[in-house]
Amino acid sequence: MNRSSSKLLAFAGLVIAVVVLVAAMVGGTSLTGPASVSTTTSEPGFGSSAASAQPGQATPAAAVQNPSGLPEINASQLPQEARQTLALIAKGGPYPYDRDGVNFGNFEGLLPKKSGGYYREYTVTTPGESDRGARRIIVGRDSAKFYTADHYDSFKFIVEGK
């Protein structure tokens, strides 16, 4: 192989490596370990039902430890509208707002730092508001859920099943 062919081959390898790295970063996957296998019927970690559940049935929320150190609130202590949003998340929708389920960037840095696309946000309706209001539930891929009543100024970790 001549010198220009070696350079071309090295350049092609570099381009492939960069493409793989960018794809992993955009997809939020890790290049250092095995990919996790999801057993869900909708998007992993965002309120989907377990594959063993019957279609249309919500499964009980698995106990998730508080990964944040934030104050905790029992799901039963949330406003009725937040409990309704939790029920919609558990069954995978349908959601009343087209922005429900979109990426939450955690730009405030109050939730545990994770890669892009890790968190999703869902609207908690506010009686008397003409728009979405300030209340949200944020869900991580690990199923950890957080409630904010003040549009991301503060959060509480939701303890489900209590």
C-alpha atoms as a PDB file:
ATOM      1  CA  MET A   1       0.000   0.000   0.000  1.00  0.00           C
ATOM      2  CA  ASN A   2       1.424   3.384  -0.917  1.00  0.00           C
ATOM      3  CA  ARG A   3       1.674   6.397   1.354  1.00  0.00           C
ATOM      4  CA  SER A   4      -1.424   8.239  -0.006  1.00  0.00           C
ATOM      5  CA  SER A   5      -3.575   5.103   0.417  1.00  0.00           C
ATOM      6  CA  SER A   6      -2.440   4.804   4.048  1.00  0.00           C
ATOM      7  CA  LYS A   7      -3.349   8.437   4.707  1.00  0.00           C
ATOM      8  CA  LEU A   8      -6.751   7.979   3.076  1.00  0.00           C
ATOM      9  CA  LEU A   9      -7.426   4.858   5.141  1.00  0.00           C
ATOM     10  CA  ALA A  10      -6.394   6.633   8.357  1.00  0.00           C
ATOM     11  CA  PHE A  11      -8.618   9.603   7.483  1.00  0.00           C
ATOM     12  CA  ALA A  12     -11.590   7.292   6.794  1.00  0.00           C
ATOM     13  CA  GLY A  13     -11.061   5.595  10.162  1.00  0.00           C
ATOM     14  CA  LEU A  14     -10.996   8.965  11.896  1.00  0.00           C
ATOM     15  CA  VAL A  15     -14.212  10.056  10.164  1.00  0.00           C
ATOM     16  CA  ILE A  16     -15.949   6.821  11.202  1.00  0.00           C
ATOM     17  CA  ALA A  17     -14.795   7.260  14.806  1.00  0.00           C
ATOM     18  CA  VAL A  18     -16.104  10.834  14.909  1.00  0.00           C
ATOM     19  CA  VAL A  19     -19.460   9.778  13.434  1.00  0.00           C
ATOM     20  CA  VAL A  20     -19.835   7.002  16.027  1.00  0.00           C
ATOM     21  CA  LEU A  21     -18.925   9.396  18.850  1.00  0.00           C
ATOM     22  CA  VAL A  22     -21.379  12.067  17.675  1.00  0.00           C
ATOM     23  CA  ALA A  23     -24.136   9.469  17.258  1.00  0.00           C
ATOM     24  CA  ALA A  24     -23.544   8.227  20.811  1.00  0.00           C
ATOM     25  CA  MET A  25     -23.617  11.766  22.193  1.00  0.00           C
ATOM     26  CA  VAL A  26     -26.813  12.702  20.360  1.00  0.00           C
ATOM     27  CA  GLY A  27     -28.489   9.423  21.267  1.00  0.00           C
ATOM     28  CA  GLY A  28     -27.453   9.699  24.931  1.00  0.00           C
ATOM     29  CA  THR A  29     -25.862   6.265  24.950  1.00  0.00           C
ATOM     30  CA  SER A  30     -22.607   5.158  26.495  1.00  0.00           C
ATOM     31  CA  LEU A  31     -19.652   3.816  24.556  1.00  0.00           C
ATOM     32  CA  THR A  32     -18.108   2.252  27.665  1.00  0.00           C
ATOM     33  CA  GLY A  33     -20.671  -0.338  28.667  1.00  0.00           C
ATOM     34  CA  PRO A  34     -23.412  -2.542  27.342  1.00  0.00           C
ATOM     35  CA  ALA A  35     -26.644  -0.919  26.270  1.00  0.00           C
ATOM     36  CA  SER A  36     -29.528  -1.388  28.641  1.00  0.00           C
ATOM     37  CA  VAL A  37     -32.399  -3.477  27.395  1.00  0.00           C
ATOM     38  CA  SER A  38     -35.827  -1.993  27.869  1.00  0.00           C
ATOM     39  CA  THR A  39     -38.834  -4.128  28.735  1.00  0.00           C
ATOM     40  CA  THR A  40     -41.359  -1.410  28.138  1.00  0.00           C
ATOM     41  CA  THR A  41     -44.119  -0.963  25.629  1.00  0.00           C
ATOM     42  CA  SER A  42     -43.411   2.708  24.928  1.00  0.00           C
ATOM     43  CA  GLU A  43     -40.423   5.017  25.270  1.00  0.00           C
ATOM     44  CA  PRO A  44     -38.099   3.639  27.971  1.00  0.00           C
ATOM     45  CA  GLY A  45     -38.223   5.228  31.372  1.00  0.00           C
ATOM     46  CA  PHE A  46     -40.957   7.735  30.641  1.00  0.00           C
ATOM     47  CA  GLY A  47     -44.097   6.401  32.211  1.00  0.00           C
ATOM     48  CA  SER A  48     -44.436   3.293  30.113  1.00  0.00           C
ATOM     49  CA  SER A  49     -46.004   0.095  31.324  1.00  0.00           C
ATOM     50  CA  ALA A  50     -43.963  -3.026  31.867  1.00  0.00           C
ATOM     51  CA  ALA A  51     -44.134  -5.573  29.052  1.00  0.00           C
ATOM     52  CA  SER A  52     -45.752  -8.129  31.374  1.00  0.00           C
ATOM     53  CA  ALA A  53     -48.765  -5.876  31.963  1.00  0.00           C
ATOM     54  CA  GLN A  54     -51.958  -6.343  30.039  1.00  0.00           C
ATOM     55  CA  PRO A  55     -52.568  -3.736  27.334  1.00  0.00           C
ATOM     56  CA  GLY A  56     -54.328  -0.685  28.753  1.00  0.00           C
ATOM     57  CA  GLN A  57     -53.398  -1.456  32.366  1.00  0.00           C
ATOM     58  CA  ALA A  58     -51.040   0.733  34.321  1.00  0.00           C
ATOM     59  CA  THR A  59     -48.520  -1.080  36.446  1.00  0.00           C
ATOM     60  CA  PRO A  60     -47.671   0.055  39.968  1.00  0.00           C
ATOM     61  CA  ALA A  61     -44.704   2.386  40.142  1.00  0.00           C
ATOM     62  CA  ALA A  62     -41.518   0.713  41.235  1.00  0.00           C
ATOM     63  CA  ALA A  63     -39.916   2.235  44.298  1.00  0.00           C
ATOM     64  CA  VAL A  64     -37.229   4.615  43.093  1.00  0.00           C
ATOM     65  CA  GLN A  65     -34.694   5.969  45.552  1.00  0.00           C
ATOM     66  CA  ASN A  66     -34.207   9.729  45.740  1.00  0.00           C
ATOM     67  CA  PRO A  67     -31.091  10.289  43.610  1.00  0.00           C
ATOM     68  CA  SER A  68     -31.091  14.045  44.163  1.00  0.00           C
ATOM     69  CA  GLY A  69     -30.953  14.936  47.842  1.00  0.00           C
ATOM     70  CA  LEU A  70     -33.919  17.229  47.155  1.00  0.00           C
ATOM     71  CA  PRO A  71     -36.832  17.381  49.612  1.00  0.00           C
ATOM     72  CA  GLU A  72     -39.363  14.594  49.145  1.00  0.00           C
ATOM     73  CA  ILE A  73     -43.117  14.692  48.752  1.00  0.00           C
ATOM     74  CA  ASN A  74     -45.414  11.684  48.862  1.00  0.00           C
ATOM     75  CA  ALA A  75     -47.465  11.293  45.697  1.00  0.00           C
ATOM     76  CA  SER A  76     -50.609  11.354  47.851  1.00  0.00           C
ATOM     77  CA  GLN A  77     -49.657  14.850  49.074  1.00  0.00           C
ATOM     78  CA  LEU A  78     -49.472  16.299  45.556  1.00  0.00           C
ATOM     79  CA  PRO A  79     -52.331  18.424  44.215  1.00  0.00           C
ATOM     80  CA  GLN A  80     -55.091  16.410  42.542  1.00  0.00           C
ATOM     81  CA  GLU A  81     -53.988  17.663  39.111  1.00  0.00           C
ATOM     82  CA  ALA A  82     -50.447  16.367  39.722  1.00  0.00           C
ATOM     83  CA  ARG A  83     -51.797  12.960  40.725  1.00  0.00           C
ATOM     84  CA  GLN A  84     -53.820  12.954  37.487  1.00  0.00           C
ATOM     85  CA  THR A  85     -50.655  13.752  35.519  1.00  0.00           C
ATOM     86  CA  LEU A  86     -48.837  10.890  37.276  1.00  0.00           C
ATOM     87  CA  ALA A  87     -51.664   8.546  36.236  1.00  0.00           C
ATOM     88  CA  LEU A  88     -51.369   9.720  32.610  1.00  0.00           C
ATOM     89  CA  ILE A  89     -47.599   9.193  32.701  1.00  0.00           C
ATOM     90  CA  ALA A  90     -48.088   5.680  34.096  1.00  0.00           C
ATOM     91  CA  LYS A  91     -50.408   4.720  31.257  1.00  0.00           C
ATOM     92  CA  GLY A  92     -48.418   6.522  28.552  1.00  0.00           C
ATOM     93  CA  GLY A  93     -50.940   9.273  27.767  1.00  0.00           C
ATOM     94  CA  PRO A  94     -52.763  10.698  25.991  1.00  0.00           C
ATOM     95  CA  TYR A  95     -51.589  14.046  27.282  1.00  0.00           C
ATOM     96  CA  PRO A  96     -53.590  17.278  27.146  1.00  0.00           C
ATOM     97  CA  TYR A  97     -50.693  19.448  25.924  1.00  0.00           C
ATOM     98  CA  ASP A  98     -48.532  18.875  22.864  1.00  0.00           C
ATOM     99  CA  ARG A  99     -45.454  19.897  24.907  1.00  0.00           C
ATOM    100  CA  ASP A 100     -45.993  17.015  27.349  1.00  0.00           C
ATOM    101  CA  GLY A 101     -43.222  14.440  27.042  1.00  0.00           C
ATOM    102  CA  VAL A 102     -40.686  16.817  25.504  1.00  0.00           C
ATOM    103  CA  ASN A 103     -37.069  16.962  26.599  1.00  0.00           C
ATOM    104  CA  PHE A 104     -36.365  18.842  29.835  1.00  0.00           C
ATOM    105  CA  GLY A 105     -32.872  20.321  29.666  1.00  0.00           C
ATOM    106  CA  ASN A 106     -32.276  20.826  33.430  1.00  0.00           C
ATOM    107  CA  PHE A 107     -30.615  24.158  32.605  1.00  0.00           C
ATOM    108  CA  GLU A 108     -31.216  25.299  36.180  1.00  0.00           C
ATOM    109  CA  GLY A 109     -28.999  22.436  37.351  1.00  0.00           C
ATOM    110  CA  LEU A 110     -31.254  21.566  40.295  1.00  0.00           C
ATOM    111  CA  LEU A 111     -31.813  17.932  39.288  1.00  0.00           C
ATOM    112  CA  PRO A 112     -28.981  15.393  39.131  1.00  0.00           C
ATOM    113  CA  LYS A 113     -26.734  16.147  36.169  1.00  0.00           C
ATOM    114  CA  LYS A 114     -27.424  13.726  33.307  1.00  0.00           C
ATOM    115  CA  SER A 115     -26.863  13.596  29.566  1.00  0.00           C
ATOM    116  CA  GLY A 116     -29.176  15.404  27.184  1.00  0.00           C
ATOM    117  CA  GLY A 117     -32.534  13.739  26.640  1.00  0.00           C
ATOM    118  CA  TYR A 118     -32.468  12.100  30.075  1.00  0.00           C
ATOM    119  CA  TYR A 119     -35.426  14.051  31.480  1.00  0.00           C
ATOM    120  CA  ARG A 120     -38.938  14.624  30.088  1.00  0.00           C
ATOM    121  CA  GLU A 121     -41.453  17.182  31.312  1.00  0.00           C
ATOM    122  CA  TYR A 122     -45.207  16.921  31.755  1.00  0.00           C
ATOM    123  CA  THR A 123     -47.713  19.667  32.497  1.00  0.00           C
ATOM    124  CA  VAL A 124     -49.662  19.735  35.735  1.00  0.00           C
ATOM    125  CA  THR A 125     -52.686  21.868  34.969  1.00  0.00           C
ATOM    126  CA  THR A 126     -53.304  24.855  37.211  1.00  0.00           C
ATOM    127  CA  PRO A 127     -56.947  25.779  37.818  1.00  0.00           C
ATOM    128  CA  GLY A 128     -57.679  29.327  36.693  1.00  0.00           C
ATOM    129  CA  GLU A 129     -54.672  29.541  34.345  1.00  0.00           C
ATOM    130  CA  SER A 130     -55.343  30.210  30.663  1.00  0.00           C
ATOM    131  CA  ASP A 131     -52.057  28.550  29.625  1.00  0.00           C
ATOM    132  CA  ARG A 132     -50.008  25.593  30.898  1.00  0.00           C
ATOM    133  CA  GLY A 133     -49.238  27.352  34.159  1.00  0.00           C
ATOM    134  CA  ALA A 134     -46.074  26.842  36.223  1.00  0.00           C
ATOM    135  CA  ARG A 135     -46.519  23.325  37.554  1.00  0.00           C
ATOM    136  CA  ARG A 136     -44.667  20.373  36.010  1.00  0.00           C
ATOM    137  CA  ILE A 137     -43.614  16.805  36.667  1.00  0.00           C
ATOM    138  CA  ILE A 138     -40.169  15.879  35.392  1.00  0.00           C
ATOM    139  CA  VAL A 139     -39.388  12.205  34.765  1.00  0.00           C
ATOM    140  CA  GLY A 140     -35.912  10.729  34.392  1.00  0.00           C
ATOM    141  CA  ARG A 141     -35.012   7.628  32.421  1.00  0.00           C
ATOM    142  CA  ASP A 142     -34.535   5.869  35.768  1.00  0.00           C
ATOM    143  CA  SER A 143     -38.240   6.618  36.495  1.00  0.00           C
ATOM    144  CA  ALA A 144     -37.356   9.164  39.193  1.00  0.00           C
ATOM    145  CA  LYS A 145     -40.043  11.844  39.215  1.00  0.00           C
ATOM    146  CA  PHE A 146     -39.804  15.424  40.412  1.00  0.00           C
ATOM    147  CA  TYR A 147     -42.511  18.030  41.018  1.00  0.00           C
ATOM    148  CA  THR A 148     -42.141  21.776  40.563  1.00  0.00           C
ATOM    149  CA  ALA A 149     -44.919  24.201  41.446  1.00  0.00           C
ATOM    150  CA  ASP A 150     -42.880  27.274  40.458  1.00  0.00           C
ATOM    151  CA  HIS A 151     -41.694  26.573  36.908  1.00  0.00           C
ATOM    152  CA  TYR A 152     -38.308  25.026  37.736  1.00  0.00           C
ATOM    153  CA  ASP A 153     -37.274  27.382  40.569  1.00  0.00           C
ATOM    154  CA  SER A 154     -37.490  24.455  43.000  1.00  0.00           C
ATOM    155  CA  PHE A 155     -38.181  20.722  42.875  1.00  0.00           C
ATOM    156  CA  LYS A 156     -39.333  17.949  45.176  1.00  0.00           C
ATOM    157  CA  PHE A 157     -38.642  14.257  44.609  1.00  0.00           C
ATOM    158  CA  ILE A 158     -41.936  12.359  44.307  1.00  0.00           C
ATOM    159  CA  VAL A 159     -42.187   9.279  46.518  1.00  0.00           C
ATOM    160  CA  GLU A 160     -44.676   7.058  44.744  1.00  0.00           C
ATOM    161  CA  GLY A 161     -46.868   4.535  46.506  1.00  0.00           C
ATOM    162  CA  LYS A 162     -47.235   6.793  49.548  1.00  0.00           C
END
